[in-house]
Protein backbone atom coordinates (compact mmCIF):
# COMPACT_ATOMS: atom_id res chain seq x y z
CA UNK A 1 -7.22 -16.86 0.63
CA UNK A 2 -4.41 -15.24 -1.25
CA UNK A 3 -2.55 -12.33 0.41
CA UNK A 4 -1.51 -9.43 -1.85
CA UNK A 5 0.06 -6.05 -1.12
CA UNK A 6 1.39 -2.94 -2.81
CA UNK A 7 3.50 -0.23 -1.22
CA UNK A 8 2.42 2.64 -3.46
CA UNK A 9 -0.35 3.69 -5.81
CA UNK A 10 -3.20 3.35 -3.33
CA UNK A 11 -5.25 6.24 -1.98
CA UNK A 12 -8.13 6.62 0.44
CA UNK A 13 -9.88 9.93 -0.05
CA UNK A 14 -13.35 11.34 -0.67
CA UNK A 15 -15.21 9.32 1.97
CA UNK A 16 -17.91 10.77 4.20
CA UNK A 17 -16.66 12.23 7.47
CA UNK A 18 -18.39 13.22 10.69
CA UNK A 19 -17.35 14.02 14.27
CA UNK A 20 -16.70 10.32 14.96
CA UNK A 21 -14.59 9.50 11.89
CA UNK A 22 -11.11 8.33 12.83
CA UNK A 23 -9.99 7.10 9.42
CA UNK A 24 -7.21 9.19 7.95
CA UNK A 25 -7.09 10.51 4.39
CA UNK A 26 -4.19 9.05 2.39
CA UNK A 27 -3.00 10.11 -1.05
CA UNK A 28 -0.33 7.39 -1.19
CA UNK A 29 -0.47 4.41 1.12
CA UNK A 30 0.51 0.80 1.52
CA UNK A 31 -2.45 -1.45 0.75
CA UNK A 32 -2.85 -5.12 1.55
CA UNK A 33 -5.69 -7.60 1.30
CA UNK A 34 -6.46 -11.27 1.72
CA UNK A 35 -8.45 -12.36 -1.29
CA UNK A 36 -10.76 -15.24 -2.06
CA UNK A 37 -11.69 -15.13 -5.76
CA UNK A 38 -14.27 -17.54 -7.15
CA UNK A 39 -16.02 -17.68 -10.49
CA UNK A 40 -18.59 -19.54 -12.53
CA UNK A 41 -18.04 -20.69 -16.08
CA UNK A 42 -20.72 -20.00 -18.67
CA UNK A 43 -20.37 -23.53 -20.08
CA UNK A 44 -19.08 -26.86 -18.80
CA UNK A 45 -16.80 -27.56 -21.75
CA UNK A 46 -13.85 -25.26 -21.05
CA UNK A 47 -10.12 -25.56 -20.36
CA UNK A 48 -10.23 -24.88 -16.62
CA UNK A 49 -6.45 -24.99 -16.13
CA UNK A 50 -5.74 -22.44 -18.86
CA UNK A 51 -8.54 -20.20 -17.59
CA UNK A 52 -7.19 -20.37 -14.02
CA UNK A 53 -3.71 -19.37 -15.22
CA UNK A 54 -5.06 -16.41 -17.20
CA UNK A 55 -7.25 -15.36 -14.26
CA UNK A 56 -4.29 -15.52 -11.86
CA UNK A 57 -2.16 -13.33 -14.12
CA UNK A 58 -5.03 -10.90 -14.60
CA UNK A 59 -5.54 -10.60 -10.83
CA UNK A 60 -1.87 -9.90 -10.17
CA UNK A 61 -1.57 -7.36 -12.98
CA UNK A 62 -4.79 -5.59 -12.01
CA UNK A 63 -3.83 -5.38 -8.33
CA UNK A 64 -0.38 -3.98 -8.97
CA UNK A 65 -1.21 -1.93 -12.05
CA UNK A 66 -3.93 0.48 -10.98
CA UNK A 67 -4.39 3.24 -8.43
CA UNK A 68 -6.70 1.98 -5.72
CA UNK A 69 -9.21 4.48 -4.38
CA UNK A 70 -10.72 1.99 -1.91
CA UNK A 71 -10.99 -1.75 -1.24
CA UNK A 72 -14.31 -1.83 -3.10
CA UNK A 73 -12.79 -0.10 -6.11
CA UNK A 74 -9.86 -2.51 -6.19
CA UNK A 75 -11.99 -5.64 -5.73
CA UNK A 76 -14.26 -4.54 -8.59
CA UNK A 77 -11.24 -3.95 -10.83
CA UNK A 78 -9.96 -7.44 -10.01
CA UNK A 79 -13.28 -9.03 -10.95
CA UNK A 80 -13.45 -7.05 -14.19
CA UNK A 81 -9.88 -8.09 -15.05
CA UNK A 82 -10.78 -11.77 -14.65
CA UNK A 83 -13.79 -11.35 -16.94
CA UNK A 84 -11.60 -9.58 -19.52
CA UNK A 85 -8.96 -12.33 -19.40
CA UNK A 86 -11.42 -15.23 -19.49
CA UNK A 87 -14.39 -14.87 -21.84
CA UNK A 88 -15.64 -18.29 -20.69
CA UNK A 89 -16.35 -16.93 -17.20
CA UNK A 90 -19.83 -15.51 -16.56
CA UNK A 91 -19.54 -14.31 -12.95
CA UNK A 92 -16.70 -13.45 -10.55
CA UNK A 93 -16.87 -12.93 -6.78
CA UNK A 94 -13.94 -11.17 -5.11
CA UNK A 95 -14.14 -11.40 -1.35
CA UNK A 96 -11.62 -10.60 1.30
CA UNK A 97 -10.29 -8.50 4.10
CA UNK A 98 -8.57 -5.17 3.67
CA UNK A 99 -5.47 -5.33 5.83
CA UNK A 100 -4.77 -1.94 7.37
CA UNK A 101 -1.20 -0.72 7.35
CA UNK A 102 -0.58 2.16 9.74
CA UNK A 103 2.28 4.64 9.78
CA UNK A 104 4.69 3.98 12.63
CA UNK A 105 5.12 6.87 15.09
CA UNK A 106 8.87 7.47 15.08
CA UNK A 107 8.72 10.58 17.28
CA UNK A 108 9.90 8.68 20.41
CA UNK A 109 13.13 8.10 18.48
CA UNK A 110 13.49 11.74 17.46
CA UNK A 111 12.64 10.92 13.84
CA UNK A 112 9.85 11.89 11.49
CA UNK A 113 8.05 9.25 9.45
CA UNK A 114 7.73 10.59 5.91
CA UNK A 115 5.43 7.77 4.86
CA UNK A 116 8.02 5.01 4.55
CA UNK A 117 7.63 2.91 7.69
CA UNK A 118 4.36 1.00 8.20
CA UNK A 119 3.16 -1.69 10.53
CA UNK A 120 0.31 -4.17 10.27
CA UNK A 121 -2.64 -3.06 12.37
CA UNK A 122 -5.60 -5.09 13.60
CA UNK A 123 -7.91 -2.08 13.92
CA UNK A 124 -10.03 -0.81 11.04
CA UNK A 125 -10.01 -4.20 9.35
CA UNK A 126 -12.86 -4.49 6.90
CA UNK A 127 -14.35 -7.34 4.91
CA UNK A 128 -15.46 -6.59 1.37
CA UNK A 129 -17.31 -8.71 -1.22
CA UNK A 130 -17.86 -7.64 -4.82
CA UNK A 131 -19.73 -9.56 -7.53
CA UNK A 132 -18.99 -8.78 -11.18
CA UNK A 133 -21.21 -10.26 -13.90
CA UNK A 134 -20.81 -10.42 -17.61
CA UNK A 135 -23.61 -8.56 -19.39
């Protein structure tokens, strides 16, 4: 699995809420994930090394270059980016764990956290899998 993270440009809004929802709404958050990306080629006769390099660049650019609305949204965008970069690929599976980053409570130190100090958190860790197929 490949770990990736961004410190801005990720949101988490618009999800269903009820009396038991503890997830916070974020309009700008740190976002991290551990990714396992696999794909199937449409044909056997292809330059696998060149395709892997293009796919790797596409994954990095897609992860850092878009506003994430959720893990599912981001994982779909990553799969679509691989298909765009590699016409020889027929199917992409992006699977991984969303790594929650929580704001640190600085109030015991007499300071306010204005969204700049985060810590890794083990709670609210989710696993997501998205399959993207060429049509």
